[in-house]
Amino acid sequence: MLRQKLYITGLVLLAGTSACAEGRAAVAGTAATIPAEKVGARIQERTLKNGLKVIVWPAPANPSVSLYNWFRVGSRNERPGITGLSHFFEHMMFNGAKKYGPGEFDRVMEAHGGRNNAYTSEDVTVYQDWFPRSALETIFELEADRLSSLSIDPKVVESERGVVYSERRSSVDNDNSGLLMEQVQATAFVAHPYQIPVIGWPSDIEGWTQGDLERYFRTYYAPNNATLLVVGAVTPADVFALAEKYLEPIPAQPAPEPVHTVEPVQQGERRVVVRKLAQAPLVHMAFHGLRGRDADAPALDLLVRILTEGDSSRLHRRLVEEERVAIRVQGSQGAGFDPSLTWVFVDLPPGGDPAQVEALLDEELARVRTTEVTDAELRKAKNIAVADFWRYLETNSGRAQALGTYEVFHGDWKELFRAPERYEAVTREQVRQVAAKVFGRDNRTVGVLVPETASSEAEQKQEAAR
């Protein structure tokens, strides 16, 4: 099976989330909501004896099933020397176990009409299966096999080590935006493990030992460190019976060591300059933001939308259309277990002036810190956010992702159905307050990629070699 392995540097909990048919009428023209007891009435949950929590959302109208297994492990749980292991196991989990050997997981799933993928972030690793209802028991058997007896064969390890290193080269080392983002994130955090890149540092990728791998798998791939979501043409009774048959015999493990480190308050702007062969400059700004479950998270999400989402957003209008100093402006809001980064990314044209872009960004961010956004801006952002929310829930896959997000990051999947009303409750003054809290100069790290010519890059390498 051709599979695009993913690693994600941040999870935005509400953007792009969404619904069943009964939800569509609720957002026609406003950010209204549907009662949780109506939308989520069929959802049931059960915790197995080994600590694995299973959540089932029956959706009989769709004959397919989505199964998402969320493990609470990401680069946040790593340390110097073993960075990148969470992402590495995302690959290893498809490379054979006791009953189903190398290549068999994909072969058997494809033979039953299914497909799969996975992703890793700073906080979690999530395995995704999509398949017809007729394959339900087979998929449980596949999942149980790799969770209970994954093969960590040294030859396979070396093969996948090369795959991961190649992925790092393509997505970071040879990708200007990825490289700058990695450097900015590593500079923005001085204590918290969010400074660790999800894909890992090169020397650590080269140096993981067999003992490192076995300890990491035993610690973090325990059933008591996971949450299983099953959505689609299933009954809770059938799913719970299969979970008890195939997954409950897998023994629990001691709980992983919690992450206690709290990032100190930043007390001044930090700057990163990357000089690299490139056609055009880049400017990234990263601000220390919020946790996913913080009360101000919806207000910050709406603010980022007002600033960066769409051609009518503030930063697009100012930088791209009016001043014509940029060709693209994007933003994102991290939303993990701990306070994450809120980003502004600006792509400049060849020959563009990063200093001018920074000055204009400073003006716009100062405005939003001191002056309330307009009613029209806030209404638009709310409408987009809630429409995205319901649209996402129209698919089994979207439902599984959304339920897992709220169960894992908010502590209760029921919080999912309160999201639209939390958006609707946000006021203009709350948006201004969160802007003042997050978008201060002393709270940011600025990264600039300065293009180099081929000759100047060669000269730098020669100088470094002397």
Protein backbone atom coordinates (compact mmCIF):
# COMPACT_ATOMS: atom_id res chain seq x y z
CA MET A 1 0.00 0.00 0.00
CA LEU A 2 1.23 3.49 -0.82
CA ARG A 3 1.04 5.38 2.44
CA GLN A 4 1.98 8.95 3.13
CA LYS A 5 3.35 8.96 6.65
CA LEU A 6 2.69 12.21 8.44
CA TYR A 7 4.15 14.11 11.29
CA ILE A 8 2.30 17.15 12.54
CA THR A 9 3.94 20.02 14.40
CA GLY A 10 0.73 21.24 16.01
CA LEU A 11 -2.91 20.32 16.43
CA VAL A 12 -5.59 22.94 15.99
CA LEU A 13 -8.51 21.51 17.89
CA LEU A 14 -11.46 23.34 16.37
CA ALA A 15 -10.39 24.51 12.94
CA GLY A 16 -11.70 22.18 10.28
CA THR A 17 -13.87 20.17 12.61
CA SER A 18 -17.66 18.96 11.59
CA ALA A 19 -21.49 16.91 11.09
CA CYS A 20 -24.37 14.90 10.51
CA ALA A 21 -27.29 16.11 8.44
CA GLU A 22 -29.20 17.36 11.47
CA GLY A 23 -26.38 19.85 12.09
CA ARG A 24 -26.45 21.62 8.73
CA ALA A 25 -29.64 23.57 9.27
CA ALA A 26 -28.35 24.77 12.62
CA VAL A 27 -25.66 26.97 11.09
CA ALA A 28 -27.59 28.57 8.23
CA GLY A 29 -26.64 32.23 8.61
CA THR A 30 -25.64 32.05 12.27
CA ALA A 31 -23.34 30.14 14.59
CA ALA A 32 -26.20 28.35 16.31
CA THR A 33 -25.78 24.88 17.76
CA ILE A 34 -27.58 21.57 18.16
CA PRO A 35 -28.05 20.10 21.67
CA ALA A 36 -25.38 17.56 22.54
CA GLU A 37 -27.98 15.01 23.54
CA LYS A 38 -29.33 15.03 19.97
CA VAL A 39 -26.09 14.86 17.97
CA GLY A 40 -24.17 12.57 20.28
CA ALA A 41 -27.06 10.56 21.71
CA ARG A 42 -25.88 7.26 20.24
CA ILE A 43 -22.30 7.49 21.46
CA GLN A 44 -21.29 4.96 24.10
CA GLU A 45 -18.02 4.37 25.92
CA ARG A 46 -16.41 1.61 27.97
CA THR A 47 -13.06 1.23 29.70
CA LEU A 48 -11.56 -2.25 29.48
CA LYS A 49 -9.89 -3.99 32.42
CA ASN A 50 -6.44 -3.09 31.03
CA GLY A 51 -7.28 0.64 30.95
CA LEU A 52 -8.03 1.02 27.22
CA LYS A 53 -10.95 3.37 26.72
CA VAL A 54 -13.24 2.53 23.79
CA ILE A 55 -15.69 5.09 22.39
CA VAL A 56 -18.26 4.10 19.75
CA TRP A 57 -20.35 6.42 17.58
CA PRO A 58 -22.85 4.34 15.53
CA ALA A 59 -23.64 5.86 12.13
CA PRO A 60 -25.75 3.23 10.34
CA ALA A 61 -26.40 5.37 7.25
CA ASN A 62 -22.79 4.88 6.11
CA PRO A 63 -21.76 1.22 5.52
CA SER A 64 -18.10 1.96 6.25
CA VAL A 65 -16.17 2.21 9.52
CA SER A 66 -13.39 4.46 10.79
CA LEU A 67 -11.20 3.15 13.62
CA TYR A 68 -8.76 5.64 15.21
CA ASN A 69 -6.37 4.55 17.95
CA TRP A 70 -4.94 7.53 19.85
CA PHE A 71 -1.73 7.04 21.85
CA ARG A 72 -0.68 9.77 24.25
CA VAL A 73 2.88 9.94 22.97
CA GLY A 74 4.66 12.48 20.81
CA SER A 75 7.87 14.48 20.77
CA ARG A 76 6.73 16.04 24.07
CA ASN A 77 7.62 12.69 25.70
CA GLU A 78 11.13 12.51 24.26
CA ARG A 79 14.50 13.71 25.51
CA PRO A 80 17.91 14.43 23.98
CA GLY A 81 19.32 11.21 22.58
CA ILE A 82 16.00 9.64 21.60
CA THR A 83 14.27 12.49 19.74
CA GLY A 84 12.11 11.32 16.86
CA LEU A 85 11.20 7.94 18.40
CA SER A 86 7.46 8.70 18.49
CA HIS A 87 7.45 9.39 14.77
CA PHE A 88 9.69 6.37 14.14
CA PHE A 89 7.17 4.03 15.77
CA GLU A 90 4.49 5.47 13.53
CA HIS A 91 6.46 3.73 10.76
CA MET A 92 7.41 0.59 12.69
CA MET A 93 3.81 -0.23 13.57
CA PHE A 94 3.25 -1.25 9.93
CA ASN A 95 6.28 -3.54 9.70
CA GLY A 96 5.10 -6.84 11.08
CA ALA A 97 4.17 -8.57 14.33
CA LYS A 98 3.73 -12.13 15.58
CA LYS A 99 0.82 -13.35 13.42
CA TYR A 100 0.94 -10.86 10.56
CA GLY A 101 4.50 -10.43 9.31
CA PRO A 102 6.14 -7.64 7.29
CA GLY A 103 3.75 -6.19 4.72
CA GLU A 104 0.83 -8.28 5.96
CA PHE A 105 -0.99 -5.48 7.80
CA ASP A 106 -1.43 -3.54 4.56
CA ARG A 107 -2.02 -6.62 2.41
CA VAL A 108 -4.78 -8.01 4.61
CA MET A 109 -6.44 -4.63 5.03
CA GLU A 110 -6.40 -3.98 1.28
CA ALA A 111 -7.79 -7.45 0.61
CA HIS A 112 -10.77 -6.55 2.80
CA GLY A 113 -11.32 -3.22 1.03
CA GLY A 114 -9.64 -1.05 3.66
CA ARG A 115 -6.85 1.50 3.85
CA ASN A 116 -4.88 3.13 6.64
CA ASN A 117 -2.54 5.91 7.68
CA ALA A 118 -1.08 7.50 10.80
CA TYR A 119 0.28 10.79 12.08
CA THR A 120 2.50 12.05 14.88
CA SER A 121 2.45 15.41 16.64
CA GLU A 122 4.17 16.89 19.66
CA ASP A 123 1.48 15.33 21.87
CA VAL A 124 -0.01 12.21 20.25
CA THR A 125 0.40 9.45 17.69
CA VAL A 126 -2.81 8.41 15.95
CA TYR A 127 -3.38 5.29 13.81
CA GLN A 128 -6.25 5.48 11.32
CA ASP A 129 -8.10 2.60 9.64
CA TRP A 130 -10.96 2.96 7.13
CA PHE A 131 -12.78 -0.20 6.01
CA PRO A 132 -16.16 -1.80 5.23
CA ARG A 133 -18.29 -3.13 8.09
CA SER A 134 -17.64 -6.70 6.98
CA ALA A 135 -13.95 -6.37 7.94
CA LEU A 136 -14.53 -5.22 11.52
CA GLU A 137 -13.29 -8.34 13.31
CA THR A 138 -10.29 -8.71 11.00
CA ILE A 139 -9.21 -5.13 11.74
CA PHE A 140 -9.46 -5.75 15.48
CA GLU A 141 -7.27 -8.82 15.05
CA LEU A 142 -4.69 -6.82 13.05
CA GLU A 143 -4.60 -4.06 15.64
CA ALA A 144 -4.29 -6.49 18.54
CA ASP A 145 -1.42 -8.33 16.85
CA ARG A 146 0.77 -5.27 16.37
CA LEU A 147 -0.05 -3.79 19.76
CA SER A 148 0.63 -7.02 21.67
CA SER A 149 3.66 -8.33 19.77
CA LEU A 150 5.18 -5.79 17.40
CA SER A 151 8.38 -7.07 15.80
CA ILE A 152 11.30 -4.71 16.41
CA ASP A 153 13.62 -6.57 14.06
CA PRO A 154 17.09 -4.92 13.79
CA LYS A 155 17.11 -5.23 9.99
CA VAL A 156 13.71 -3.56 9.72
CA VAL A 157 14.82 -0.90 12.18
CA GLU A 158 17.79 0.01 9.98
CA SER A 159 15.59 0.10 6.88
CA GLU A 160 13.05 2.39 8.51
CA ARG A 161 15.81 4.52 10.02
CA GLY A 162 16.85 5.29 6.46
CA VAL A 163 13.25 6.06 5.46
CA VAL A 164 12.83 8.49 8.35
CA TYR A 165 16.15 10.18 7.63
CA SER A 166 15.09 10.60 4.01
CA GLU A 167 11.80 12.09 5.17
CA ARG A 168 13.69 14.55 7.35
CA ARG A 169 15.81 15.65 4.39
CA SER A 170 12.77 16.25 2.18
CA SER A 171 10.51 17.93 4.75
CA VAL A 172 13.06 19.90 6.77
CA ASP A 173 16.63 20.03 5.49
CA ASN A 174 15.62 20.66 1.87
CA ASP A 175 12.42 22.56 2.61
CA ASN A 176 13.05 26.21 3.42
CA SER A 177 9.84 26.78 5.35
CA GLY A 178 10.20 23.51 7.29
CA LEU A 179 13.80 24.33 8.20
CA LEU A 180 12.97 27.85 9.40
CA MET A 181 9.99 26.61 11.40
CA GLU A 182 12.12 23.98 13.13
CA GLN A 183 14.76 26.56 14.08
CA VAL A 184 12.16 29.03 15.38
CA GLN A 185 10.41 26.40 17.49
CA ALA A 186 13.69 25.18 18.97
CA THR A 187 14.51 28.79 19.91
CA ALA A 188 11.07 29.73 21.23
CA PHE A 189 11.20 26.98 23.89
CA VAL A 190 14.18 26.93 26.24
CA ALA A 191 12.91 24.35 28.78
CA HIS A 192 9.79 22.55 27.57
CA PRO A 193 10.15 19.51 25.27
CA TYR A 194 7.98 21.24 22.66
CA GLN A 195 11.35 22.50 21.45
CA ILE A 196 12.04 18.99 20.07
CA PRO A 197 11.15 18.51 16.39
CA VAL A 198 8.61 15.75 15.82
CA ILE A 199 10.79 14.09 13.20
CA GLY A 200 13.85 14.17 15.51
CA TRP A 201 17.36 15.62 15.33
CA PRO A 202 19.69 13.99 12.78
CA SER A 203 22.21 12.58 15.26
CA ASP A 204 19.44 11.00 17.33
CA ILE A 205 17.86 9.37 14.27
CA GLU A 206 21.25 7.83 13.57
CA GLY A 207 21.80 6.71 17.16
CA TRP A 208 18.65 5.03 18.53
CA THR A 209 19.54 1.67 20.09
CA GLN A 210 17.54 -1.53 20.25
CA GLY A 211 17.11 -0.97 23.98
CA ASP A 212 15.78 2.55 23.39
CA LEU A 213 13.17 1.19 20.99
CA GLU A 214 12.00 -1.67 23.19
CA ARG A 215 11.68 0.53 26.30
CA TYR A 216 9.81 3.23 24.42
CA PHE A 217 7.33 0.82 22.89
CA ARG A 218 6.69 -0.96 26.18
CA THR A 219 6.11 2.35 28.00
CA TYR A 220 3.95 4.29 25.57
CA TYR A 221 2.18 1.64 23.47
CA ALA A 222 0.32 0.23 26.45
CA PRO A 223 -3.48 -0.03 26.30
CA ASN A 224 -3.81 2.21 29.36
CA ASN A 225 -2.05 4.97 27.38
CA ALA A 226 -4.52 4.81 24.45
CA THR A 227 -8.06 5.72 23.47
CA LEU A 228 -9.84 3.80 20.70
CA LEU A 229 -12.54 5.49 18.58
CA VAL A 230 -14.84 3.45 16.31
CA VAL A 231 -17.33 5.33 14.13
CA GLY A 232 -19.67 4.05 11.42
CA ALA A 233 -21.93 1.10 10.64
CA VAL A 234 -21.40 -0.65 13.97
CA THR A 235 -23.24 -1.29 17.20
CA PRO A 236 -21.57 -0.52 20.52
CA ALA A 237 -22.26 -4.08 21.71
CA ASP A 238 -20.37 -5.58 18.76
CA VAL A 239 -17.42 -3.23 19.15
CA PHE A 240 -17.13 -3.75 22.90
CA ALA A 241 -17.28 -7.53 22.44
CA LEU A 242 -14.46 -7.46 19.87
CA ALA A 243 -12.41 -5.09 22.03
CA GLU A 244 -12.78 -7.46 24.97
CA LYS A 245 -11.84 -10.46 22.83
CA TYR A 246 -8.80 -9.03 21.05
CA LEU A 247 -7.53 -6.03 23.04
CA GLU A 248 -8.42 -6.63 26.68
CA PRO A 249 -5.92 -9.53 27.06
CA ILE A 250 -3.04 -7.12 26.33
CA PRO A 251 -1.63 -6.23 29.74
CA ALA A 252 -1.51 -2.69 31.07
CA GLN A 253 1.87 -1.12 31.88
CA PRO A 254 2.97 1.36 34.54
CA ALA A 255 1.80 4.84 33.58
CA PRO A 256 4.45 6.86 31.72
CA GLU A 257 6.30 9.57 33.61
CA PRO A 258 4.29 12.80 33.32
CA VAL A 259 5.80 15.90 31.75
CA HIS A 260 6.26 18.39 34.58
CA THR A 261 8.36 21.05 32.87
CA VAL A 262 6.69 24.44 32.52
CA GLU A 263 8.16 26.85 29.98
CA PRO A 264 9.39 30.02 31.76
CA VAL A 265 7.77 33.30 30.78
CA GLN A 266 9.66 34.80 27.86
CA GLN A 267 11.18 38.17 28.78
CA GLY A 268 12.25 39.54 25.45
CA GLU A 269 12.10 38.98 21.73
CA ARG A 270 14.25 36.20 20.29
CA ARG A 271 15.49 36.13 16.72
CA VAL A 272 16.65 33.44 14.31
CA VAL A 273 18.32 34.07 10.95
CA VAL A 274 18.76 31.18 8.50
CA ARG A 275 20.90 31.76 5.42
CA LYS A 276 20.19 29.23 2.72
CA LEU A 277 20.05 28.76 -1.02
CA ALA A 278 16.59 30.09 -1.87
CA GLN A 279 14.70 32.23 -4.34
CA ALA A 280 12.79 34.35 -1.85
CA PRO A 281 12.84 35.37 1.83
CA LEU A 282 10.50 34.02 4.51
CA VAL A 283 9.36 35.57 7.79
CA HIS A 284 7.94 33.44 10.62
CA MET A 285 6.67 34.83 13.92
CA ALA A 286 5.91 32.46 16.80
CA PHE A 287 4.18 33.61 19.99
CA HIS A 288 3.73 31.60 23.16
CA GLY A 289 0.01 30.81 23.23
CA LEU A 290 -2.44 28.54 24.99
CA ARG A 291 -3.31 24.94 25.78
CA GLY A 292 -6.08 23.27 23.84
CA ARG A 293 -8.40 23.21 26.85
CA ASP A 294 -7.81 26.82 27.95
CA ALA A 295 -10.93 28.96 28.23
CA ASP A 296 -9.49 31.57 25.84
CA ALA A 297 -8.67 29.03 23.09
CA PRO A 298 -11.84 29.75 21.04
CA ALA A 299 -11.13 33.50 21.18
CA LEU A 300 -7.55 32.95 20.01
CA ASP A 301 -8.74 30.69 17.20
CA LEU A 302 -11.17 33.36 16.00
CA LEU A 303 -8.44 36.01 16.23
CA VAL A 304 -6.05 33.97 14.08
CA ARG A 305 -8.84 33.54 11.53
CA ILE A 306 -9.52 37.30 11.49
CA LEU A 307 -5.85 37.99 10.91
CA THR A 308 -4.94 35.31 8.37
CA GLU A 309 -7.87 33.31 6.95
CA GLY A 310 -9.00 34.24 3.47
CA ASP A 311 -8.50 37.16 1.11
CA SER A 312 -10.48 39.50 3.37
CA SER A 313 -8.33 38.78 6.43
CA ARG A 314 -6.42 41.70 7.90
CA LEU A 315 -2.91 40.54 7.15
CA HIS A 316 -3.70 39.34 3.64
CA ARG A 317 -5.31 42.67 2.74
CA ARG A 318 -2.48 44.73 4.22
CA LEU A 319 0.60 42.75 3.14
CA VAL A 320 -0.54 41.09 -0.07
CA GLU A 321 -3.11 43.40 -1.63
CA GLU A 322 -2.38 46.90 -0.33
CA GLU A 323 1.38 47.03 0.28
CA ARG A 324 2.25 44.13 -2.08
CA VAL A 325 5.21 43.07 0.04
CA ALA A 326 4.12 39.42 0.41
CA ILE A 327 2.62 36.72 -1.77
CA ARG A 328 1.02 34.68 1.03
CA VAL A 329 0.16 35.04 4.72
CA GLN A 330 -0.90 32.10 6.88
CA GLY A 331 -1.51 31.51 10.57
CA SER A 332 -1.98 28.64 12.98
CA GLN A 333 -2.85 28.13 16.62
CA GLY A 334 -1.19 25.28 18.49
CA ALA A 335 -3.58 23.49 20.84
CA GLY A 336 -1.82 20.74 22.76
CA PHE A 337 -1.54 19.47 26.32
CA ASP A 338 0.66 22.42 27.27
CA PRO A 339 0.82 26.03 26.04
CA SER A 340 1.87 25.86 22.39
CA LEU A 341 2.90 28.39 19.76
CA THR A 342 0.66 30.66 17.73
CA TRP A 343 2.25 31.32 14.33
CA VAL A 344 2.20 33.88 11.55
CA PHE A 345 3.94 32.76 8.33
CA VAL A 346 4.73 35.21 5.53
CA ASP A 347 6.08 34.24 2.09
CA LEU A 348 7.82 37.13 0.34
CA PRO A 349 8.46 37.58 -3.39
CA PRO A 350 12.02 37.32 -4.71
CA GLY A 351 13.90 40.41 -3.59
CA GLY A 352 11.33 41.12 -0.87
CA ASP A 353 12.26 43.11 2.23
CA PRO A 354 11.79 41.16 5.51
CA ALA A 355 12.30 44.33 7.58
CA GLN A 356 9.40 46.03 5.83
CA VAL A 357 7.19 42.97 6.37
CA GLU A 358 8.06 42.92 10.07
CA ALA A 359 7.23 46.61 10.41
CA LEU A 360 3.81 46.11 8.84
CA LEU A 361 3.13 43.05 10.99
CA ASP A 362 4.04 45.10 14.06
CA GLU A 363 1.51 47.76 13.07
CA GLU A 364 -1.31 45.29 12.52
CA LEU A 365 -0.64 43.31 15.69
CA ALA A 366 -0.44 46.52 17.72
CA ARG A 367 -3.85 47.52 16.34
CA VAL A 368 -5.50 44.27 17.34
CA ARG A 369 -3.92 44.43 20.82
CA THR A 370 -5.34 47.88 21.54
CA THR A 371 -8.54 48.11 19.47
CA GLU A 372 -11.45 45.70 19.30
CA VAL A 373 -12.10 43.90 16.02
CA THR A 374 -15.29 44.86 14.22
CA ASP A 375 -18.64 43.13 14.63
CA ALA A 376 -18.48 42.07 10.98
CA GLU A 377 -15.02 40.52 11.38
CA LEU A 378 -16.04 38.57 14.44
CA ARG A 379 -19.32 37.43 12.89
CA LYS A 380 -17.51 36.18 9.79
CA ALA A 381 -14.91 34.29 11.86
CA LYS A 382 -17.63 32.65 13.97
CA ASN A 383 -19.63 31.61 10.92
CA ILE A 384 -16.58 30.05 9.26
CA ALA A 385 -15.48 28.27 12.44
CA VAL A 386 -18.87 26.74 13.17
CA ALA A 387 -19.54 25.84 9.53
CA ASP A 388 -16.16 24.08 9.50
CA PHE A 389 -17.12 22.32 12.72
CA TRP A 390 -20.33 20.81 11.37
CA ARG A 391 -18.89 20.08 7.94
CA TYR A 392 -16.13 18.02 9.52
CA LEU A 393 -18.60 15.80 11.33
CA GLU A 394 -20.27 14.75 8.09
CA THR A 395 -17.77 11.88 7.68
CA ASN A 396 -16.91 8.92 9.88
CA SER A 397 -13.27 9.94 9.69
CA GLY A 398 -14.01 13.49 10.79
CA ARG A 399 -16.11 12.24 13.68
CA ALA A 400 -13.38 9.89 14.87
CA GLN A 401 -10.80 12.68 14.69
CA ALA A 402 -13.05 15.15 16.51
CA LEU A 403 -14.10 12.73 19.26
CA GLY A 404 -10.50 11.72 19.86
CA THR A 405 -9.37 15.33 19.95
CA TYR A 406 -11.85 16.28 22.64
CA GLU A 407 -11.47 13.09 24.67
CA VAL A 408 -7.67 13.31 24.69
CA PHE A 409 -7.02 17.05 24.86
CA HIS A 410 -10.13 18.25 26.69
CA GLY A 411 -10.61 15.22 28.91
CA ASP A 412 -14.14 14.39 27.74
CA TRP A 413 -15.55 13.74 24.26
CA LYS A 414 -18.79 15.43 25.32
CA GLU A 415 -16.98 18.77 25.18
CA LEU A 416 -17.00 18.39 21.39
CA PHE A 417 -20.67 19.28 21.23
CA ARG A 418 -20.23 22.42 23.32
CA ALA A 419 -17.70 23.92 20.90
CA PRO A 420 -20.17 25.90 18.74
CA GLU A 421 -21.71 27.64 21.75
CA ARG A 422 -18.23 28.49 23.08
CA TYR A 423 -17.43 30.15 19.78
CA GLU A 424 -20.72 32.05 19.82
CA ALA A 425 -20.05 33.35 23.34
CA VAL A 426 -16.76 35.04 22.38
CA THR A 427 -16.95 38.86 22.51
CA ARG A 428 -14.92 41.54 20.73
CA GLU A 429 -13.32 42.51 24.04
CA GLN A 430 -12.27 38.91 24.72
CA VAL A 431 -10.56 38.85 21.32
CA ARG A 432 -8.72 42.08 22.16
CA GLN A 433 -7.67 40.70 25.55
CA VAL A 434 -6.28 37.49 24.10
CA ALA A 435 -4.45 39.53 21.46
CA ALA A 436 -2.85 41.63 24.20
CA LYS A 437 -1.91 38.46 26.08
CA VAL A 438 -0.39 36.57 23.14
CA PHE A 439 0.85 39.06 20.54
CA GLY A 440 3.35 41.02 22.64
CA ARG A 441 6.83 41.65 21.24
CA ASP A 442 8.49 40.18 24.34
CA ASN A 443 6.49 36.98 23.85
CA ARG A 444 7.66 36.23 20.34
CA THR A 445 10.43 34.58 18.37
CA VAL A 446 11.05 35.98 14.89
CA GLY A 447 12.62 33.86 12.19
CA VAL A 448 13.91 35.17 8.88
CA LEU A 449 15.19 33.07 6.00
CA VAL A 450 17.69 35.11 3.98
CA PRO A 451 18.27 33.79 0.45
CA GLU A 452 21.83 32.96 -0.56
CA THR A 453 23.18 32.44 -4.03
CA ALA A 454 24.81 29.15 -4.96
CA SER A 455 28.25 30.78 -4.91
CA SER A 456 27.81 32.35 -1.46
CA GLU A 457 26.51 29.06 -0.01
CA ALA A 458 29.54 27.24 -1.41
CA GLU A 459 31.84 29.85 0.12
CA GLN A 460 30.19 29.40 3.52
CA LYS A 461 30.66 25.63 3.38
CA GLN A 462 34.32 26.06 2.47
CA GLU A 463 34.80 28.48 5.33
CA ALA A 464 33.13 26.10 7.78
CA ALA A 465 35.37 23.25 6.61
CA ARG A 466 38.59 25.18 7.34
